[in-house]
Amino acid sequence: MSLLTEIAKRYSCRAYQDKPIEQDKLDRIIEAARLAPSANNKQEWRFVFVRDAKIRQQMQVAANNQPFVGQAPVVIAACAESDYVMRCGQRCGPIDVAIALEHIALQATAEGLGTCWIGSFYPDQVRQILGIPENVAVIELMTLGYPTDQARSKTRAAAEKIACYDHWTF
């Protein structure tokens, strides 16, 4: 299967089977994150893979009480240990974590799993639940598991609406 096929298959899954994810699949997903590029090769991302049902229920509360967060067999807390700022003025932590999370999402899709990016959560609650130190930024959450829902049709802008060549022509 081509990479574009996997990209097209990926969607925001919000319903999961009550089925654990095999360790070999989790290992490949972690490897996909490990291989992601990072600014200045800092590799400052850290991921807490939450499998414990009681902790996942606490994560659901911290994620604005979204039921599918507690339902997913794994909730990933994606963090950054660095506050390094690139020459362009952007902090690398959120960018590098996002790149690694998308590697996770695409590998999960290839494994027959669903994912959903979770931006609606309270970082301080996640920090407390998982024992994440104060100097580590909680960037994003992601659910992971075998889907029971199906992808909805996606509407995407035409290529000429998002890309131009040589000069700004929008």
N, C-alpha and C. Protein backbone atom coordinates (compact mmCIF):
# COMPACT_ATOMS: atom_id res chain seq x y z
N MET A 1 0.84 -1.18 0.00
CA MET A 1 0.00 0.00 0.00
C MET A 1 0.89 1.24 0.00
N SER A 2 0.48 2.26 -0.69
CA SER A 2 1.29 3.47 -0.76
C SER A 2 1.06 4.35 0.47
N LEU A 3 2.00 5.23 0.74
CA LEU A 3 1.88 6.14 1.87
C LEU A 3 0.65 7.03 1.72
N LEU A 4 0.38 7.52 0.50
CA LEU A 4 -0.81 8.36 0.29
C LEU A 4 -2.09 7.61 0.62
N THR A 5 -2.12 6.31 0.37
CA THR A 5 -3.29 5.51 0.72
C THR A 5 -3.48 5.49 2.23
N GLU A 6 -2.40 5.29 2.97
CA GLU A 6 -2.49 5.29 4.44
C GLU A 6 -2.90 6.67 4.95
N ILE A 7 -2.35 7.71 4.36
CA ILE A 7 -2.72 9.07 4.77
C ILE A 7 -4.21 9.30 4.54
N ALA A 8 -4.72 8.87 3.39
CA ALA A 8 -6.14 9.05 3.08
C ALA A 8 -7.03 8.24 4.01
N LYS A 9 -6.55 7.08 4.49
CA LYS A 9 -7.34 6.23 5.38
C LYS A 9 -7.43 6.78 6.80
N ARG A 10 -6.43 7.56 7.23
CA ARG A 10 -6.39 8.05 8.61
C ARG A 10 -7.55 9.01 8.86
N TYR A 11 -8.21 8.85 9.98
CA TYR A 11 -9.30 9.74 10.37
C TYR A 11 -9.33 9.87 11.89
N SER A 12 -10.13 10.77 12.39
CA SER A 12 -10.26 10.96 13.83
C SER A 12 -11.27 9.96 14.37
N CYS A 13 -10.77 8.89 14.95
CA CYS A 13 -11.60 7.81 15.48
C CYS A 13 -12.11 8.20 16.87
N ARG A 14 -13.41 8.04 17.07
CA ARG A 14 -14.01 8.40 18.35
C ARG A 14 -14.85 7.28 18.95
N ALA A 15 -14.59 6.04 18.53
CA ALA A 15 -15.25 4.86 19.12
C ALA A 15 -14.32 3.68 18.96
N TYR A 16 -14.07 2.99 20.06
CA TYR A 16 -13.07 1.92 20.08
C TYR A 16 -13.62 0.62 20.64
N GLN A 17 -13.06 -0.49 20.13
CA GLN A 17 -13.36 -1.80 20.69
C GLN A 17 -12.68 -1.93 22.05
N ASP A 18 -13.27 -2.75 22.88
CA ASP A 18 -12.67 -3.07 24.18
C ASP A 18 -11.69 -4.22 23.95
N LYS A 19 -10.59 -3.90 23.31
CA LYS A 19 -9.61 -4.91 22.92
C LYS A 19 -8.22 -4.32 23.10
N PRO A 20 -7.36 -4.97 23.86
CA PRO A 20 -6.01 -4.43 24.04
C PRO A 20 -5.22 -4.47 22.73
N ILE A 21 -4.23 -3.59 22.66
CA ILE A 21 -3.36 -3.52 21.48
C ILE A 21 -2.15 -4.41 21.76
N GLU A 22 -1.83 -5.25 20.81
CA GLU A 22 -0.71 -6.15 20.93
C GLU A 22 0.59 -5.37 21.11
N GLN A 23 1.49 -5.91 21.95
CA GLN A 23 2.76 -5.23 22.24
C GLN A 23 3.60 -5.02 21.00
N ASP A 24 3.60 -5.96 20.05
CA ASP A 24 4.42 -5.77 18.85
C ASP A 24 3.92 -4.58 18.03
N LYS A 25 2.61 -4.35 18.02
CA LYS A 25 2.08 -3.17 17.32
C LYS A 25 2.49 -1.89 18.04
N LEU A 26 2.40 -1.90 19.38
CA LEU A 26 2.83 -0.73 20.14
C LEU A 26 4.31 -0.46 19.93
N ASP A 27 5.11 -1.52 19.85
CA ASP A 27 6.55 -1.35 19.61
C ASP A 27 6.81 -0.68 18.26
N ARG A 28 6.07 -1.08 17.22
CA ARG A 28 6.26 -0.46 15.90
C ARG A 28 5.78 0.99 15.91
N ILE A 29 4.72 1.27 16.64
CA ILE A 29 4.21 2.64 16.75
C ILE A 29 5.23 3.53 17.46
N ILE A 30 5.82 3.02 18.53
CA ILE A 30 6.86 3.77 19.24
C ILE A 30 8.07 3.98 18.33
N GLU A 31 8.42 2.97 17.55
CA GLU A 31 9.54 3.09 16.62
C GLU A 31 9.26 4.18 15.58
N ALA A 32 8.03 4.26 15.11
CA ALA A 32 7.66 5.31 14.14
C ALA A 32 7.88 6.69 14.75
N ALA A 33 7.51 6.86 16.02
CA ALA A 33 7.73 8.14 16.69
C ALA A 33 9.22 8.41 16.86
N ARG A 34 9.96 7.38 17.24
CA ARG A 34 11.40 7.52 17.47
C ARG A 34 12.13 7.97 16.21
N LEU A 35 11.63 7.56 15.04
CA LEU A 35 12.28 7.89 13.78
C LEU A 35 11.91 9.28 13.24
N ALA A 36 11.01 9.97 13.91
CA ALA A 36 10.59 11.30 13.45
C ALA A 36 11.75 12.29 13.52
N PRO A 37 11.75 13.27 12.62
CA PRO A 37 12.78 14.31 12.69
C PRO A 37 12.47 15.28 13.83
N SER A 38 13.50 15.95 14.29
CA SER A 38 13.31 16.98 15.32
C SER A 38 14.33 18.09 15.13
N ALA A 39 13.98 19.27 15.59
CA ALA A 39 14.88 20.43 15.45
C ALA A 39 16.20 20.15 16.16
N ASN A 40 17.28 20.41 15.45
CA ASN A 40 18.62 20.24 16.01
C ASN A 40 18.83 18.82 16.55
N ASN A 41 18.04 17.88 16.04
CA ASN A 41 18.05 16.47 16.47
C ASN A 41 17.93 16.33 17.99
N LYS A 42 17.17 17.21 18.62
CA LYS A 42 17.03 17.19 20.08
C LYS A 42 16.23 15.99 20.59
N GLN A 43 15.27 15.49 19.79
CA GLN A 43 14.48 14.33 20.17
C GLN A 43 13.91 14.49 21.59
N GLU A 44 13.35 15.65 21.85
CA GLU A 44 12.90 15.98 23.21
C GLU A 44 11.51 15.46 23.54
N TRP A 45 10.87 14.78 22.59
CA TRP A 45 9.54 14.26 22.85
C TRP A 45 9.59 13.11 23.85
N ARG A 46 8.54 13.02 24.65
CA ARG A 46 8.37 11.92 25.60
C ARG A 46 6.89 11.55 25.54
N PHE A 47 6.61 10.25 25.55
CA PHE A 47 5.24 9.77 25.41
C PHE A 47 4.90 8.84 26.58
N VAL A 48 3.79 9.10 27.22
CA VAL A 48 3.28 8.20 28.24
C VAL A 48 2.11 7.45 27.60
N PHE A 49 2.25 6.14 27.44
CA PHE A 49 1.20 5.29 26.88
C PHE A 49 0.38 4.75 28.04
N VAL A 50 -0.83 5.27 28.20
CA VAL A 50 -1.69 4.90 29.32
C VAL A 50 -2.60 3.75 28.90
N ARG A 51 -2.40 2.59 29.54
CA ARG A 51 -3.22 1.41 29.26
C ARG A 51 -4.14 1.06 30.41
N ASP A 52 -3.80 1.45 31.61
CA ASP A 52 -4.57 1.13 32.80
C ASP A 52 -5.95 1.78 32.73
N ALA A 53 -7.01 0.97 32.90
CA ALA A 53 -8.39 1.46 32.75
C ALA A 53 -8.73 2.56 33.74
N LYS A 54 -8.28 2.45 34.96
CA LYS A 54 -8.59 3.47 35.98
C LYS A 54 -7.92 4.80 35.64
N ILE A 55 -6.69 4.72 35.18
CA ILE A 55 -5.98 5.95 34.80
C ILE A 55 -6.62 6.55 33.55
N ARG A 56 -7.04 5.70 32.61
CA ARG A 56 -7.70 6.21 31.40
C ARG A 56 -8.99 6.94 31.76
N GLN A 57 -9.71 6.47 32.77
CA GLN A 57 -10.92 7.16 33.20
C GLN A 57 -10.58 8.55 33.76
N GLN A 58 -9.48 8.64 34.48
CA GLN A 58 -9.03 9.95 34.97
C GLN A 58 -8.63 10.85 33.81
N MET A 59 -8.00 10.24 32.80
CA MET A 59 -7.62 11.01 31.61
C MET A 59 -8.86 11.51 30.88
N GLN A 60 -9.91 10.72 30.87
CA GLN A 60 -11.17 11.15 30.25
C GLN A 60 -11.67 12.43 30.91
N VAL A 61 -11.64 12.47 32.23
CA VAL A 61 -12.07 13.67 32.95
C VAL A 61 -11.17 14.85 32.59
N ALA A 62 -9.86 14.60 32.55
CA ALA A 62 -8.91 15.67 32.22
C ALA A 62 -9.07 16.13 30.77
N ALA A 63 -9.66 15.27 29.93
CA ALA A 63 -9.88 15.60 28.52
C ALA A 63 -11.31 16.08 28.31
N ASN A 64 -11.74 16.96 29.20
CA ASN A 64 -13.04 17.61 29.06
C ASN A 64 -14.19 16.60 29.01
N ASN A 65 -14.00 15.47 29.73
CA ASN A 65 -15.03 14.43 29.84
C ASN A 65 -15.50 13.88 28.50
N GLN A 66 -14.60 13.73 27.57
CA GLN A 66 -14.94 13.13 26.28
C GLN A 66 -14.95 11.60 26.46
N PRO A 67 -16.10 10.94 26.34
CA PRO A 67 -16.21 9.51 26.66
C PRO A 67 -15.25 8.61 25.90
N PHE A 68 -15.00 8.90 24.63
CA PHE A 68 -14.14 8.01 23.85
C PHE A 68 -12.70 7.99 24.36
N VAL A 69 -12.29 9.02 25.10
CA VAL A 69 -10.94 9.04 25.65
C VAL A 69 -10.78 7.92 26.68
N GLY A 70 -11.78 7.73 27.52
CA GLY A 70 -11.73 6.65 28.49
C GLY A 70 -11.98 5.29 27.86
N GLN A 71 -12.65 5.28 26.73
CA GLN A 71 -12.99 4.04 26.04
C GLN A 71 -11.80 3.46 25.28
N ALA A 72 -10.94 4.30 24.76
CA ALA A 72 -9.79 3.85 23.97
C ALA A 72 -8.88 3.00 24.85
N PRO A 73 -8.35 1.90 24.32
CA PRO A 73 -7.47 1.05 25.13
C PRO A 73 -6.13 1.68 25.46
N VAL A 74 -5.75 2.73 24.72
CA VAL A 74 -4.51 3.47 25.01
C VAL A 74 -4.78 4.95 24.82
N VAL A 75 -4.32 5.73 25.77
CA VAL A 75 -4.31 7.19 25.64
C VAL A 75 -2.84 7.61 25.75
N ILE A 76 -2.39 8.34 24.77
CA ILE A 76 -0.99 8.79 24.74
C ILE A 76 -0.93 10.24 25.19
N ALA A 77 -0.10 10.50 26.19
CA ALA A 77 0.20 11.87 26.60
C ALA A 77 1.54 12.22 25.96
N ALA A 78 1.53 13.19 25.06
CA ALA A 78 2.73 13.58 24.32
C ALA A 78 3.31 14.84 24.95
N CYS A 79 4.57 14.75 25.33
CA CYS A 79 5.21 15.83 26.09
C CYS A 79 6.51 16.25 25.43
N ALA A 80 7.01 17.42 25.84
CA ALA A 80 8.30 17.92 25.36
C ALA A 80 9.13 18.36 26.56
N GLU A 81 10.39 17.94 26.55
CA GLU A 81 11.30 18.28 27.65
C GLU A 81 12.09 19.55 27.40
N SER A 82 12.01 20.09 26.20
CA SER A 82 12.86 21.21 25.83
C SER A 82 12.04 22.48 25.62
N ASP A 83 12.64 23.61 25.93
CA ASP A 83 12.02 24.89 25.57
C ASP A 83 12.87 25.60 24.52
N TYR A 84 13.66 24.82 23.79
CA TYR A 84 14.54 25.33 22.74
C TYR A 84 13.72 26.10 21.70
N VAL A 85 14.21 27.28 21.35
CA VAL A 85 13.57 28.11 20.34
C VAL A 85 14.46 28.11 19.10
N MET A 86 13.87 27.79 17.98
CA MET A 86 14.62 27.76 16.72
C MET A 86 14.90 29.18 16.25
N ARG A 87 15.83 29.33 15.34
CA ARG A 87 16.20 30.64 14.81
C ARG A 87 14.99 31.39 14.26
N CYS A 88 14.00 30.66 13.74
CA CYS A 88 12.81 31.30 13.17
C CYS A 88 11.87 31.85 14.25
N GLY A 89 12.20 31.61 15.51
CA GLY A 89 11.40 32.15 16.61
C GLY A 89 10.35 31.19 17.15
N GLN A 90 10.24 30.01 16.58
CA GLN A 90 9.25 29.03 17.03
C GLN A 90 9.88 28.08 18.05
N ARG A 91 9.09 27.74 19.07
CA ARG A 91 9.55 26.71 20.02
C ARG A 91 9.48 25.36 19.32
N CYS A 92 10.52 24.57 19.44
CA CYS A 92 10.56 23.31 18.71
C CYS A 92 9.71 22.23 19.37
N GLY A 93 9.49 22.29 20.67
CA GLY A 93 8.76 21.23 21.37
C GLY A 93 7.41 20.89 20.74
N PRO A 94 6.50 21.85 20.63
CA PRO A 94 5.19 21.52 20.05
C PRO A 94 5.28 21.04 18.60
N ILE A 95 6.20 21.60 17.83
CA ILE A 95 6.33 21.20 16.43
C ILE A 95 6.87 19.79 16.33
N ASP A 96 7.93 19.51 17.07
CA ASP A 96 8.54 18.19 17.01
C ASP A 96 7.60 17.11 17.55
N VAL A 97 6.89 17.42 18.61
CA VAL A 97 5.91 16.46 19.15
C VAL A 97 4.82 16.19 18.12
N ALA A 98 4.36 17.24 17.43
CA ALA A 98 3.32 17.05 16.41
C ALA A 98 3.81 16.16 15.27
N ILE A 99 5.05 16.34 14.86
CA ILE A 99 5.60 15.49 13.80
C ILE A 99 5.62 14.03 14.27
N ALA A 100 6.11 13.79 15.47
CA ALA A 100 6.18 12.43 16.00
C ALA A 100 4.79 11.83 16.18
N LEU A 101 3.83 12.63 16.63
CA LEU A 101 2.45 12.13 16.78
C LEU A 101 1.85 11.74 15.43
N GLU A 102 2.16 12.49 14.41
CA GLU A 102 1.62 12.11 13.10
C GLU A 102 2.28 10.83 12.59
N HIS A 103 3.56 10.64 12.91
CA HIS A 103 4.18 9.35 12.61
C HIS A 103 3.42 8.23 13.33
N ILE A 104 3.07 8.47 14.60
CA ILE A 104 2.30 7.50 15.37
C ILE A 104 0.96 7.23 14.69
N ALA A 105 0.27 8.29 14.31
CA ALA A 105 -1.05 8.14 13.69
C ALA A 105 -0.97 7.34 12.39
N LEU A 106 0.03 7.61 11.58
CA LEU A 106 0.15 6.90 10.31
C LEU A 106 0.55 5.44 10.50
N GLN A 107 1.45 5.17 11.44
CA GLN A 107 1.81 3.78 11.72
C GLN A 107 0.61 3.03 12.31
N ALA A 108 -0.13 3.70 13.17
CA ALA A 108 -1.34 3.08 13.74
C ALA A 108 -2.31 2.72 12.63
N THR A 109 -2.50 3.61 11.67
CA THR A 109 -3.39 3.33 10.54
C THR A 109 -2.91 2.11 9.79
N ALA A 110 -1.62 2.02 9.55
CA ALA A 110 -1.05 0.87 8.85
C ALA A 110 -1.24 -0.42 9.65
N GLU A 111 -1.36 -0.31 10.97
CA GLU A 111 -1.56 -1.47 11.84
C GLU A 111 -3.04 -1.84 12.00
N GLY A 112 -3.93 -1.07 11.34
CA GLY A 112 -5.36 -1.33 11.48
C GLY A 112 -5.98 -0.70 12.70
N LEU A 113 -5.29 0.28 13.27
CA LEU A 113 -5.76 0.96 14.48
C LEU A 113 -6.26 2.36 14.14
N GLY A 114 -7.06 2.91 15.03
CA GLY A 114 -7.55 4.27 14.89
C GLY A 114 -6.89 5.18 15.91
N THR A 115 -6.86 6.46 15.61
CA THR A 115 -6.31 7.47 16.51
C THR A 115 -7.18 8.72 16.46
N CYS A 116 -7.02 9.55 17.47
CA CYS A 116 -7.65 10.86 17.45
C CYS A 116 -6.78 11.83 18.24
N TRP A 117 -6.45 12.94 17.62
CA TRP A 117 -5.74 14.01 18.30
C TRP A 117 -6.69 14.65 19.31
N ILE A 118 -6.24 14.89 20.51
CA ILE A 118 -7.06 15.50 21.55
C ILE A 118 -6.41 16.81 21.98
N GLY A 119 -7.03 17.91 21.63
CA GLY A 119 -6.54 19.22 22.04
C GLY A 119 -7.37 19.81 23.16
N SER A 120 -8.52 19.22 23.42
CA SER A 120 -9.40 19.71 24.48
C SER A 120 -9.10 18.93 25.76
N PHE A 121 -8.12 19.43 26.51
CA PHE A 121 -7.75 18.79 27.78
C PHE A 121 -7.09 19.83 28.68
N TYR A 122 -6.96 19.47 29.94
CA TYR A 122 -6.36 20.35 30.94
C TYR A 122 -4.97 19.81 31.27
N PRO A 123 -3.92 20.45 30.75
CA PRO A 123 -2.56 19.95 30.95
C PRO A 123 -2.17 19.74 32.42
N ASP A 124 -2.59 20.64 33.30
CA ASP A 124 -2.23 20.49 34.71
C ASP A 124 -2.85 19.24 35.33
N GLN A 125 -4.07 18.90 34.89
CA GLN A 125 -4.69 17.67 35.38
C GLN A 125 -3.95 16.44 34.86
N VAL A 126 -3.59 16.45 33.59
CA VAL A 126 -2.83 15.34 33.00
C VAL A 126 -1.49 15.21 33.72
N ARG A 127 -0.85 16.32 33.96
CA ARG A 127 0.45 16.33 34.66
C ARG A 127 0.31 15.66 36.03
N GLN A 128 -0.74 16.00 36.75
CA GLN A 128 -0.95 15.44 38.09
C GLN A 128 -1.27 13.94 38.03
N ILE A 129 -2.15 13.54 37.12
CA ILE A 129 -2.55 12.14 36.99
C ILE A 129 -1.35 11.26 36.67
N LEU A 130 -0.49 11.71 35.77
CA LEU A 130 0.61 10.88 35.27
C LEU A 130 1.95 11.15 35.95
N GLY A 131 1.99 12.11 36.87
CA GLY A 131 3.24 12.40 37.57
C GLY A 131 4.29 13.04 36.67
N ILE A 132 3.85 13.86 35.73
CA ILE A 132 4.76 14.54 34.81
C ILE A 132 5.35 15.75 35.51
N PRO A 133 6.68 15.90 35.48
CA PRO A 133 7.31 17.03 36.18
C PRO A 133 6.88 18.38 35.61
N GLU A 134 6.99 19.40 36.43
CA GLU A 134 6.61 20.76 36.05
C GLU A 134 7.41 21.31 34.87
N ASN A 135 8.66 20.88 34.73
CA ASN A 135 9.50 21.40 33.65
C ASN A 135 9.25 20.73 32.31
N VAL A 136 8.30 19.81 32.25
CA VAL A 136 7.95 19.11 31.01
C VAL A 136 6.60 19.62 30.53
N ALA A 137 6.54 20.03 29.27
CA ALA A 137 5.29 20.55 28.70
C ALA A 137 4.42 19.40 28.21
N VAL A 138 3.16 19.40 28.63
CA VAL A 138 2.18 18.45 28.10
C VAL A 138 1.59 19.09 26.85
N ILE A 139 1.92 18.56 25.69
CA ILE A 139 1.60 19.20 24.42
C ILE A 139 0.26 18.74 23.86
N GLU A 140 0.01 17.46 23.86
CA GLU A 140 -1.17 16.91 23.17
C GLU A 140 -1.47 15.53 23.73
N LEU A 141 -2.72 15.11 23.57
CA LEU A 141 -3.13 13.74 23.86
C LEU A 141 -3.55 13.09 22.55
N MET A 142 -3.47 11.76 22.51
CA MET A 142 -3.94 11.02 21.35
C MET A 142 -4.52 9.69 21.84
N THR A 143 -5.71 9.35 21.35
CA THR A 143 -6.28 8.04 21.65
C THR A 143 -5.80 7.05 20.59
N LEU A 144 -5.82 5.77 20.97
CA LEU A 144 -5.31 4.73 20.11
C LEU A 144 -6.05 3.43 20.40
N GLY A 145 -6.54 2.78 19.34
CA GLY A 145 -7.20 1.49 19.54
C GLY A 145 -7.85 0.99 18.27
N TYR A 146 -8.50 -0.17 18.40
CA TYR A 146 -9.23 -0.76 17.28
C TYR A 146 -10.56 -0.02 17.13
N PRO A 147 -10.80 0.55 15.97
CA PRO A 147 -12.02 1.37 15.80
C PRO A 147 -13.30 0.53 15.70
N THR A 148 -14.38 1.13 16.17
CA THR A 148 -15.72 0.57 15.91
C THR A 148 -16.52 1.51 15.03
N ASP A 149 -16.02 2.73 14.85
CA ASP A 149 -16.69 3.67 13.95
C ASP A 149 -16.01 3.61 12.59
N GLN A 150 -16.50 4.40 11.67
CA GLN A 150 -15.92 4.45 10.34
C GLN A 150 -15.63 5.90 9.98
N ALA A 151 -14.68 6.06 9.10
CA ALA A 151 -14.31 7.41 8.66
C ALA A 151 -15.50 8.08 8.00
N ARG A 152 -15.68 9.35 8.33
CA ARG A 152 -16.67 10.17 7.63
C ARG A 152 -15.98 10.76 6.41
N SER A 153 -16.77 11.14 5.44
CA SER A 153 -16.15 11.74 4.25
C SER A 153 -15.43 13.03 4.66
N LYS A 154 -14.30 13.24 4.03
CA LYS A 154 -13.47 14.40 4.34
C LYS A 154 -13.61 15.43 3.23
N THR A 155 -13.73 16.67 3.63
CA THR A 155 -13.71 17.76 2.67
C THR A 155 -12.38 18.47 2.83
N ARG A 156 -11.65 18.53 1.78
CA ARG A 156 -10.35 19.19 1.81
C ARG A 156 -10.30 20.24 0.69
N ALA A 157 -9.58 21.31 0.97
CA ALA A 157 -9.41 22.37 -0.02
C ALA A 157 -8.64 21.84 -1.21
N ALA A 158 -8.90 22.40 -2.36
CA ALA A 158 -8.17 22.05 -3.58
C ALA A 158 -6.70 22.45 -3.42
N ALA A 159 -5.83 21.73 -4.10
CA ALA A 159 -4.39 21.99 -4.00
C ALA A 159 -4.03 23.44 -4.30
N GLU A 160 -4.67 24.03 -5.30
CA GLU A 160 -4.34 25.41 -5.66
C GLU A 160 -4.78 26.42 -4.59
N LYS A 161 -5.60 26.00 -3.65
CA LYS A 161 -6.01 26.88 -2.55
C LYS A 161 -4.99 26.88 -1.41
N ILE A 162 -4.11 25.88 -1.40
CA ILE A 162 -3.17 25.77 -0.28
C ILE A 162 -1.71 25.86 -0.69
N ALA A 163 -1.43 25.79 -1.99
CA ALA A 163 -0.04 25.79 -2.43
C ALA A 163 0.14 26.66 -3.67
N CYS A 164 1.25 27.38 -3.70
CA CYS A 164 1.62 28.14 -4.88
C CYS A 164 3.12 27.99 -5.06
N TYR A 165 3.65 28.48 -6.15
CA TYR A 165 5.06 28.32 -6.46
C TYR A 165 5.75 29.67 -6.60
N ASP A 166 6.90 29.76 -6.03
CA ASP A 166 7.85 30.86 -6.17
C ASP A 166 7.45 32.17 -5.49
N HIS A 167 6.17 32.55 -5.50
CA HIS A 167 5.72 33.78 -4.86
C HIS A 167 4.32 33.54 -4.29
N TRP A 168 3.99 34.35 -3.31
CA TRP A 168 2.66 34.30 -2.70
C TRP A 168 1.65 34.78 -3.74
N THR A 169 0.72 33.89 -4.11
CA THR A 169 -0.27 34.24 -5.15
C THR A 169 -1.70 34.02 -4.67
N PHE A 170 -1.91 33.94 -3.40
CA PHE A 170 -3.27 33.69 -2.88
C PHE A 170 -4.09 34.96 -2.86
